[in-house]
């Protein structure tokens, strides 16, 4: 890293983040831990970080104990540290192009054994199947070219929240209770609004988009949404005057009434030069104004008209993807599709954080330890993405090597 980058690194980790770590030993441990995540090493857990930071066995043991206390027990605020990192990276991103979307998603942390907080056999897209893992729900902020996770919440199944012995083992705070993944997502969104994180539109897959309560909360907070839904969601079709037509149908039933002639092909962007998505990214879509049918006591006349978008991907015998969005009627269909499709780049951010920064390498078992480790990873990723943005134009072609995380040391 060049001199200016080293100066920014010190400013960010020691001054900006450091002001939220009250004691000098906390600031020193944070810097050591972050340095261990940013530099080369097959594992990014406490023991190998301590080993790489020292050369002598006795000193290594002292460093190990210090880092173990810092990440597992030290009383510093994850919220304050993550807020600082989010403000830092969004200011750099916003200087190049606007931060427009927030993406709700989750990722799995595969584990051995049964003692890591929140672990159980559950489905995760990380494995593509049911496996022994933890699940972290994340909030990612996005520009046209970059995705940056700024917050995480650990999903705790009832097997943890309702078991006094496990609560004690994981040192769960008394105010931590069972919450569904959409409820955790709502908390993340509310914190981001409170922290004045820039953004206008919330994106999510069907696991979250299906939640009427989450969608309504997003609107109450003054944000738009563009979310996937399941085929069982029911809606009334609206005519040109926004009047209801027929009885409510599931979106799967609506799709079954349509043939290929109802769908129009849209291209939303060029594919990546990295080999996965070469050529133009295109698919066939159908749009219709609807009102969602749900039993919440709200009069139908008072419900907000939405866009229902159906996608019929190439090679499929029927439409397979369904979306609801509050994006305005005056917005072009192509721009609506482009916005909806922003969600799929989130997986790259997870891959980089796991592959380069050890997001899933934490070996402790406590609730606080998991969140402290994730907080340091979020800070490191915020810094390296900010450096990448400073060095690459948004329109510049980038190879796989160019896209790799720049080393901060």
Protein backbone atom coordinates (compact mmCIF):
# COMPACT_ATOMS: atom_id res chain seq x y z
CA UNK A 1 0.00 0.00 0.00
CA UNK A 2 1.25 3.46 -0.91
CA UNK A 3 1.95 6.18 1.63
CA UNK A 4 -1.43 7.91 1.25
CA UNK A 5 -3.19 4.59 1.77
CA UNK A 6 -1.17 3.87 4.92
CA UNK A 7 -2.16 7.28 6.24
CA UNK A 8 -5.82 6.58 5.55
CA UNK A 9 -5.51 3.17 7.20
CA UNK A 10 -4.11 4.71 10.40
CA UNK A 11 -6.71 7.48 10.36
CA UNK A 12 -9.57 5.02 9.96
CA UNK A 13 -8.51 2.32 12.41
CA UNK A 14 -6.80 4.40 15.09
CA UNK A 15 -8.72 7.70 14.99
CA UNK A 16 -12.16 7.08 13.51
CA UNK A 17 -12.78 3.60 14.95
CA UNK A 18 -10.46 4.20 17.89
CA UNK A 19 -12.68 6.88 19.41
CA UNK A 20 -15.29 4.19 20.09
CA UNK A 21 -12.76 2.01 21.97
CA UNK A 22 -12.28 3.63 25.34
CA UNK A 23 -9.06 2.01 26.54
CA UNK A 24 -5.64 1.96 24.85
CA UNK A 25 -5.47 -1.84 25.09
CA UNK A 26 -8.77 -2.11 23.20
CA UNK A 27 -7.45 0.09 20.42
CA UNK A 28 -4.21 -1.89 20.25
CA UNK A 29 -6.08 -5.21 20.15
CA UNK A 30 -8.46 -3.92 17.48
CA UNK A 31 -5.53 -2.88 15.30
CA UNK A 32 -3.79 -6.24 15.76
CA UNK A 33 -6.95 -8.19 15.03
CA UNK A 34 -7.77 -6.10 11.96
CA UNK A 35 -4.19 -6.43 10.70
CA UNK A 36 -4.49 -10.21 11.08
CA UNK A 37 -7.66 -10.24 8.99
CA UNK A 38 -6.21 -8.02 6.28
CA UNK A 39 -2.93 -9.87 5.79
CA UNK A 40 -2.24 -13.29 4.29
CA UNK A 41 -3.03 -16.40 6.27
CA UNK A 42 -5.10 -19.51 5.70
CA UNK A 43 -7.07 -19.03 8.94
CA UNK A 44 -8.27 -15.74 10.38
CA UNK A 45 -9.18 -16.85 13.92
CA UNK A 46 -7.56 -15.72 17.18
CA UNK A 47 -4.80 -18.32 17.50
CA UNK A 48 -3.26 -17.95 13.99
CA UNK A 49 -3.62 -14.15 14.15
CA UNK A 50 -1.69 -14.11 17.43
CA UNK A 51 0.93 -16.45 16.00
CA UNK A 52 1.49 -14.28 12.92
CA UNK A 53 1.66 -11.12 15.05
CA UNK A 54 4.46 -12.44 17.29
CA UNK A 55 7.48 -14.63 16.91
CA UNK A 56 8.18 -15.94 20.40
CA UNK A 57 6.07 -18.63 22.08
CA UNK A 58 5.54 -16.83 25.41
CA UNK A 59 4.67 -13.57 23.70
CA UNK A 60 2.34 -15.45 21.35
CA UNK A 61 0.42 -16.85 24.33
CA UNK A 62 0.04 -13.39 25.86
CA UNK A 63 -1.16 -12.01 22.52
CA UNK A 64 -3.59 -14.90 22.16
CA UNK A 65 -5.08 -14.26 25.59
CA UNK A 66 -5.33 -10.52 24.91
CA UNK A 67 -7.09 -10.99 21.56
CA UNK A 68 -9.36 -13.67 22.99
CA UNK A 69 -10.48 -11.25 25.69
CA UNK A 70 -10.87 -8.40 23.19
CA UNK A 71 -13.10 -10.31 20.79
CA UNK A 72 -14.94 -12.47 23.31
CA UNK A 73 -15.39 -10.37 26.45
CA UNK A 74 -14.29 -6.76 26.04
CA UNK A 75 -17.27 -4.35 26.49
CA UNK A 76 -17.16 -2.19 23.38
CA UNK A 77 -20.11 -1.16 21.21
CA UNK A 78 -20.63 -3.07 17.96
CA UNK A 79 -23.28 -0.55 16.97
CA UNK A 80 -20.95 2.44 17.31
CA UNK A 81 -18.07 0.76 15.46
CA UNK A 82 -20.29 -0.43 12.61
CA UNK A 83 -21.91 2.99 12.33
CA UNK A 84 -18.49 4.60 11.98
CA UNK A 85 -17.42 2.12 9.28
CA UNK A 86 -20.70 2.61 7.39
CA UNK A 87 -20.32 6.40 7.45
CA UNK A 88 -16.74 6.08 6.21
CA UNK A 89 -17.41 3.80 3.26
CA UNK A 90 -20.67 5.45 2.15
CA UNK A 91 -18.97 8.84 2.07
CA UNK A 92 -16.33 7.46 -0.29
CA UNK A 93 -18.88 5.60 -2.42
CA UNK A 94 -21.17 8.62 -2.55
CA UNK A 95 -18.38 10.84 -3.86
CA UNK A 96 -18.26 8.65 -6.99
CA UNK A 97 -21.87 7.54 -7.49
CA UNK A 98 -24.98 7.59 -5.30
CA UNK A 99 -25.77 4.93 -2.72
CA UNK A 100 -29.30 4.02 -3.77
CA UNK A 101 -30.23 0.55 -2.53
CA UNK A 102 -30.18 -1.49 0.67
CA UNK A 103 -30.18 -5.25 0.26
CA UNK A 104 -31.41 -7.67 2.88
CA UNK A 105 -29.96 -11.16 2.63
CA UNK A 106 -28.41 -13.87 4.77
CA UNK A 107 -25.42 -16.16 4.65
CA UNK A 108 -24.42 -19.36 6.40
CA UNK A 109 -21.46 -20.05 8.69
CA UNK A 110 -20.89 -23.85 8.55
CA UNK A 111 -19.83 -25.28 11.91
CA UNK A 112 -18.81 -28.53 13.53
CA UNK A 113 -20.42 -29.46 16.83
CA UNK A 114 -23.33 -27.94 18.73
CA UNK A 115 -21.81 -25.27 21.00
CA UNK A 116 -21.29 -22.25 18.69
CA UNK A 117 -24.02 -19.73 19.47
CA UNK A 118 -27.04 -20.10 17.18
CA UNK A 119 -25.81 -23.24 15.47
CA UNK A 120 -28.22 -25.96 14.43
CA UNK A 121 -29.10 -27.99 11.35
CA UNK A 122 -30.89 -25.53 9.08
CA UNK A 123 -31.06 -24.56 5.43
CA UNK A 124 -28.51 -22.13 4.08
CA UNK A 125 -27.90 -20.97 0.54
CA UNK A 126 -24.19 -21.06 1.32
CA UNK A 127 -24.34 -24.86 1.27
CA UNK A 128 -27.41 -25.10 -0.94
CA UNK A 129 -28.90 -27.58 1.52
CA UNK A 130 -29.60 -28.22 5.19
CA UNK A 131 -26.40 -28.28 7.21
CA UNK A 132 -24.98 -27.60 10.65
CA UNK A 133 -24.46 -23.85 10.62
CA UNK A 134 -25.11 -20.39 11.99
CA UNK A 135 -27.11 -17.89 9.91
CA UNK A 136 -26.25 -14.20 9.75
CA UNK A 137 -28.81 -11.72 8.36
CA UNK A 138 -27.13 -8.76 6.70
CA UNK A 139 -27.83 -5.28 5.42
CA UNK A 140 -25.79 -4.38 2.35
CA UNK A 141 -25.63 -0.91 0.81
CA UNK A 142 -25.19 -0.67 -2.92
CA UNK A 143 -24.25 1.73 -5.67
CA UNK A 144 -24.40 0.90 -9.37
CA UNK A 145 -21.02 -0.87 -9.13
CA UNK A 146 -20.32 -1.75 -5.48
CA UNK A 147 -21.93 -3.75 -2.66
CA UNK A 148 -20.80 -3.27 0.96
CA UNK A 149 -22.30 -5.07 3.98
CA UNK A 150 -22.59 -2.62 6.87
CA UNK A 151 -24.51 -4.59 9.51
CA UNK A 152 -25.26 -8.16 10.56
CA UNK A 153 -27.59 -9.87 13.03
CA UNK A 154 -27.18 -13.47 14.20
CA UNK A 155 -30.30 -15.59 13.78
CA UNK A 156 -30.99 -17.46 17.02
CA UNK A 157 -33.42 -20.39 16.73
CA UNK A 158 -35.79 -21.12 19.62
CA UNK A 159 -33.52 -24.03 20.53
CA UNK A 160 -31.17 -21.29 21.79
CA UNK A 161 -33.41 -18.47 22.98
CA UNK A 162 -35.77 -20.76 24.90
CA UNK A 163 -33.08 -22.94 26.54
CA UNK A 164 -31.70 -21.42 29.80
CA UNK A 165 -28.61 -23.65 29.75
CA UNK A 166 -27.68 -22.65 26.20
CA UNK A 167 -28.43 -18.99 26.91
CA UNK A 168 -26.01 -19.13 29.81
CA UNK A 169 -23.37 -20.97 27.80
CA UNK A 170 -23.51 -18.41 24.98
CA UNK A 171 -23.89 -15.49 27.41
CA UNK A 172 -26.97 -14.16 25.65
CA UNK A 173 -28.05 -10.75 26.99
CA UNK A 174 -31.36 -10.79 28.84
CA UNK A 175 -33.08 -8.61 26.24
CA UNK A 176 -32.25 -11.00 23.39
CA UNK A 177 -35.39 -12.95 22.47
CA UNK A 178 -36.38 -15.09 19.53
CA UNK A 179 -36.88 -13.13 16.31
CA UNK A 180 -37.62 -14.40 12.83
CA UNK A 181 -35.24 -13.48 10.03
CA UNK A 182 -37.65 -10.82 8.67
CA UNK A 183 -37.86 -9.34 12.17
CA UNK A 184 -34.06 -9.18 12.33
CA UNK A 185 -34.09 -7.55 8.90
CA UNK A 186 -36.53 -4.93 10.19
CA UNK A 187 -34.15 -4.15 13.07
CA UNK A 188 -31.25 -3.69 10.64
CA UNK A 189 -33.29 -1.34 8.46
CA UNK A 190 -34.50 0.69 11.43
CA UNK A 191 -30.92 1.11 12.69
CA UNK A 192 -29.74 2.25 9.25
CA UNK A 193 -32.53 4.83 9.06
CA UNK A 194 -31.68 6.06 12.56
CA UNK A 195 -28.00 6.30 11.57
CA UNK A 196 -28.93 8.26 8.42
CA UNK A 197 -27.29 5.77 6.06
CA UNK A 198 -27.93 6.93 2.47
CA UNK A 199 -30.30 4.83 0.39
CA UNK A 200 -33.81 4.84 -1.07
CA UNK A 201 -34.86 1.30 -2.02
CA UNK A 202 -34.85 -1.98 -0.07
CA UNK A 203 -34.27 -5.21 -2.01
CA UNK A 204 -34.79 -8.73 -0.67
CA UNK A 205 -35.44 -12.28 -1.77
CA UNK A 206 -38.73 -14.09 -1.16
CA UNK A 207 -37.77 -15.23 2.35
CA UNK A 208 -38.01 -11.57 3.37
CA UNK A 209 -40.20 -10.08 0.63
CA UNK A 210 -43.01 -12.45 1.57
CA UNK A 211 -43.34 -10.68 4.95
CA UNK A 212 -46.18 -8.15 4.76
CA UNK A 213 -45.07 -6.65 8.09
CA UNK A 214 -41.55 -6.06 6.80
CA UNK A 215 -42.83 -4.48 3.59
CA UNK A 216 -45.15 -2.19 5.55
CA UNK A 217 -42.39 -1.14 7.92
CA UNK A 218 -40.16 -0.23 4.99
CA UNK A 219 -42.89 2.06 3.69
CA UNK A 220 -43.47 3.59 7.13
CA UNK A 221 -39.78 4.49 7.20
CA UNK A 222 -40.12 6.37 3.91
CA UNK A 223 -38.34 3.83 1.69
CA UNK A 224 -39.39 2.04 -1.47
CA UNK A 225 -38.96 -1.68 -1.95
CA UNK A 226 -38.48 -4.18 -4.76
CA UNK A 227 -38.73 -7.68 -3.35
CA UNK A 228 -39.18 -11.22 -4.55
CA UNK A 229 -42.31 -13.07 -3.41
CA UNK A 230 -43.54 -16.65 -3.55
CA UNK A 231 -46.06 -17.97 -6.06
CA UNK A 232 -48.69 -18.30 -3.31
CA UNK A 233 -48.95 -14.55 -2.66
CA UNK A 234 -52.42 -13.35 -3.65
CA UNK A 235 -53.27 -10.08 -5.37
CA UNK A 236 -56.05 -8.24 -7.15
CA UNK A 237 -55.29 -7.18 -10.71
CA UNK A 238 -56.01 -3.49 -11.34
CA UNK A 239 -57.25 -1.90 -14.54
CA UNK A 240 -55.97 1.38 -16.03
CA UNK A 241 -58.15 3.33 -13.58
CA UNK A 242 -56.71 1.37 -10.61
CA UNK A 243 -59.99 -0.50 -10.12
CA UNK A 244 -59.95 -4.12 -8.95
CA UNK A 245 -60.63 -6.81 -11.53
CA UNK A 246 -61.92 -10.26 -10.60
CA UNK A 247 -61.24 -12.01 -7.30
CA UNK A 248 -57.70 -12.11 -5.85
CA UNK A 249 -55.48 -14.73 -7.45
CA UNK A 250 -52.14 -16.14 -6.40
CA UNK A 251 -49.31 -14.80 -8.54
CA UNK A 252 -48.70 -18.38 -9.62
CA UNK A 253 -52.26 -18.55 -10.94
CA UNK A 254 -51.82 -15.22 -12.69
CA UNK A 255 -48.65 -16.51 -14.34
CA UNK A 256 -50.46 -19.67 -15.50
CA UNK A 257 -52.96 -17.50 -17.42
CA UNK A 258 -50.22 -15.88 -19.49
CA UNK A 259 -48.32 -17.12 -22.52
CA UNK A 260 -45.07 -15.96 -24.07
CA UNK A 261 -46.81 -13.26 -26.11
CA UNK A 262 -47.60 -11.36 -22.91
CA UNK A 263 -43.92 -11.06 -21.98
CA UNK A 264 -41.40 -8.57 -23.31
CA UNK A 265 -37.67 -9.12 -23.44
CA UNK A 266 -35.57 -6.60 -21.51
CA UNK A 267 -31.79 -6.22 -21.31
CA UNK A 268 -30.71 -4.57 -18.07
CA UNK A 269 -26.91 -4.53 -18.35
CA UNK A 270 -23.83 -6.00 -19.95
CA UNK A 271 -22.46 -9.15 -18.38
CA UNK A 272 -19.26 -9.23 -16.35
CA UNK A 273 -15.88 -9.70 -18.05
CA UNK A 274 -14.97 -12.19 -15.34
CA UNK A 275 -16.40 -15.24 -17.08
CA UNK A 276 -19.57 -15.96 -15.10
CA UNK A 277 -22.02 -13.73 -16.94
CA UNK A 278 -20.62 -12.83 -20.34
CA UNK A 279 -22.76 -11.00 -22.88
CA UNK A 280 -25.92 -9.05 -22.27
CA UNK A 281 -28.04 -9.88 -19.24
CA UNK A 282 -31.61 -10.23 -20.47
CA UNK A 283 -34.87 -12.01 -19.69
CA UNK A 284 -38.60 -11.73 -20.38
CA UNK A 285 -40.89 -9.78 -18.04
CA UNK A 286 -44.58 -8.94 -17.59
CA UNK A 287 -45.80 -6.02 -15.46
CA UNK A 288 -49.21 -5.28 -13.98
CA UNK A 289 -50.54 -2.95 -11.29
CA UNK A 290 -52.00 -4.89 -8.35
CA UNK A 291 -53.11 -4.65 -4.75
CA UNK A 292 -51.92 -7.40 -2.47
CA UNK A 293 -54.60 -9.47 -0.74
CA UNK A 294 -53.74 -10.07 2.90
CA UNK A 295 -55.81 -10.28 6.07
CA UNK A 296 -54.57 -7.30 8.10
CA UNK A 297 -57.83 -5.43 8.59
CA UNK A 298 -56.97 -2.68 6.09
CA UNK A 299 -59.71 -1.69 3.66
CA UNK A 300 -58.81 -2.65 0.11
CA UNK A 301 -59.40 0.92 -1.08
CA UNK A 302 -56.69 2.12 1.32
CA UNK A 303 -54.05 -0.36 0.17
CA UNK A 304 -51.20 0.89 -1.95
CA UNK A 305 -51.17 -0.07 -5.66
CA UNK A 306 -47.94 -1.89 -6.52
CA UNK A 307 -46.18 -3.25 -9.55
CA UNK A 308 -46.28 -7.02 -9.87
CA UNK A 309 -43.45 -8.19 -12.12
CA UNK A 310 -43.20 -11.75 -13.42
CA UNK A 311 -40.02 -13.09 -14.99
CA UNK A 312 -39.90 -15.94 -17.49
CA UNK A 313 -36.21 -16.91 -17.71
CA UNK A 314 -34.77 -18.47 -20.84
CA UNK A 315 -35.07 -22.25 -20.90
CA UNK A 316 -37.92 -22.38 -18.38
CA UNK A 317 -41.34 -23.79 -19.39
CA UNK A 318 -43.19 -21.07 -17.43
CA UNK A 319 -42.57 -17.91 -15.36
CA UNK A 320 -40.56 -18.77 -12.25
CA UNK A 321 -39.78 -15.47 -10.52
CA UNK A 322 -42.24 -13.03 -8.96
CA UNK A 323 -41.63 -9.52 -7.60
CA UNK A 324 -43.52 -6.72 -5.89
CA UNK A 325 -42.29 -3.16 -5.96
CA UNK A 326 -43.41 0.29 -4.88
CA UNK A 327 -41.20 1.97 -7.49
CA UNK A 328 -43.22 4.67 -9.25
CA UNK A 329 -45.21 4.24 -12.46
CA UNK A 330 -43.17 6.96 -14.15
CA UNK A 331 -40.00 4.86 -13.76
CA UNK A 332 -39.17 2.90 -16.89
CA UNK A 333 -39.63 -0.88 -16.80
CA UNK A 334 -35.99 -1.32 -17.72
CA UNK A 335 -34.87 0.74 -14.72
CA UNK A 336 -37.21 -1.19 -12.43
CA UNK A 337 -35.68 -4.46 -13.66
CA UNK A 338 -32.17 -3.09 -13.30
CA UNK A 339 -32.96 -2.14 -9.69
CA UNK A 340 -34.47 -5.53 -8.87
CA UNK A 341 -31.41 -7.27 -10.29
CA UNK A 342 -28.98 -5.33 -8.09
CA UNK A 343 -29.59 -7.90 -5.34
CA UNK A 344 -27.66 -10.71 -7.00
CA UNK A 345 -24.23 -9.10 -6.60
CA UNK A 346 -24.44 -9.44 -2.81
CA UNK A 347 -23.04 -12.96 -2.96
CA UNK A 348 -19.73 -11.59 -4.24
CA UNK A 349 -19.37 -9.47 -1.11
CA UNK A 350 -19.96 -12.55 1.06
CA UNK A 351 -17.38 -14.49 -0.94
CA UNK A 352 -14.78 -11.77 -0.54
CA UNK A 353 -15.40 -11.35 3.17
CA UNK A 354 -15.16 -15.09 3.76
CA UNK A 355 -12.34 -15.85 1.37
CA UNK A 356 -10.16 -12.83 2.09
CA UNK A 357 -11.14 -11.57 5.56
CA UNK A 358 -12.20 -14.68 7.48
CA UNK A 359 -15.82 -13.70 8.06
CA UNK A 360 -16.71 -17.33 8.80
CA UNK A 361 -13.48 -18.23 10.64
CA UNK A 362 -14.51 -17.21 14.16
CA UNK A 363 -14.10 -20.17 16.52
CA UNK A 364 -15.52 -18.71 19.73
CA UNK A 365 -18.91 -19.67 21.10
CA UNK A 366 -20.32 -16.53 22.69
CA UNK A 367 -22.94 -14.11 21.36
CA UNK A 368 -20.71 -11.09 22.02
CA UNK A 369 -17.69 -12.77 20.44
CA UNK A 370 -19.52 -13.51 17.19
CA UNK A 371 -20.69 -9.91 16.88
CA UNK A 372 -17.29 -8.44 17.80
CA UNK A 373 -15.56 -10.59 15.16
CA UNK A 374 -18.12 -9.60 12.51
CA UNK A 375 -17.73 -5.92 13.44
CA UNK A 376 -13.98 -6.00 12.80
CA UNK A 377 -14.53 -7.81 9.48
CA UNK A 378 -17.08 -5.17 8.44
CA UNK A 379 -14.58 -2.42 9.26
CA UNK A 380 -11.86 -4.12 7.23
CA UNK A 381 -14.15 -4.66 4.25
CA UNK A 382 -15.37 -1.07 4.40
CA UNK A 383 -11.77 0.14 4.25
CA UNK A 384 -10.64 -2.07 1.36
CA UNK A 385 -13.75 -1.31 -0.70
CA UNK A 386 -13.15 2.41 -0.13
CA UNK A 387 -9.58 1.95 -1.35
CA UNK A 388 -10.78 0.02 -4.39
CA UNK A 389 -13.25 2.78 -5.24
CA UNK A 390 -10.51 5.40 -4.97
CA UNK A 391 -8.31 3.48 -7.40
CA UNK A 392 -10.81 2.33 -10.05
CA UNK A 393 -13.19 4.32 -12.20
CA UNK A 394 -16.74 2.90 -12.22
CA UNK A 395 -16.62 2.59 -16.00
CA UNK A 396 -13.19 0.99 -16.19
CA UNK A 397 -13.06 -2.64 -17.25
CA UNK A 398 -11.67 -4.82 -14.50
CA UNK A 399 -10.29 -8.32 -14.64
CA UNK A 400 -10.72 -10.93 -11.90
CA UNK A 401 -7.29 -9.97 -10.61
CA UNK A 402 -8.27 -6.30 -10.53
CA UNK A 403 -11.39 -7.14 -8.53
CA UNK A 404 -9.49 -8.98 -5.81
CA UNK A 405 -9.37 -7.20 -2.49
CA UNK A 406 -6.37 -4.90 -2.35
CA UNK A 407 -4.03 -5.75 0.50
CA UNK A 408 -3.90 -3.10 3.18
CA UNK A 409 -0.47 -4.04 4.39
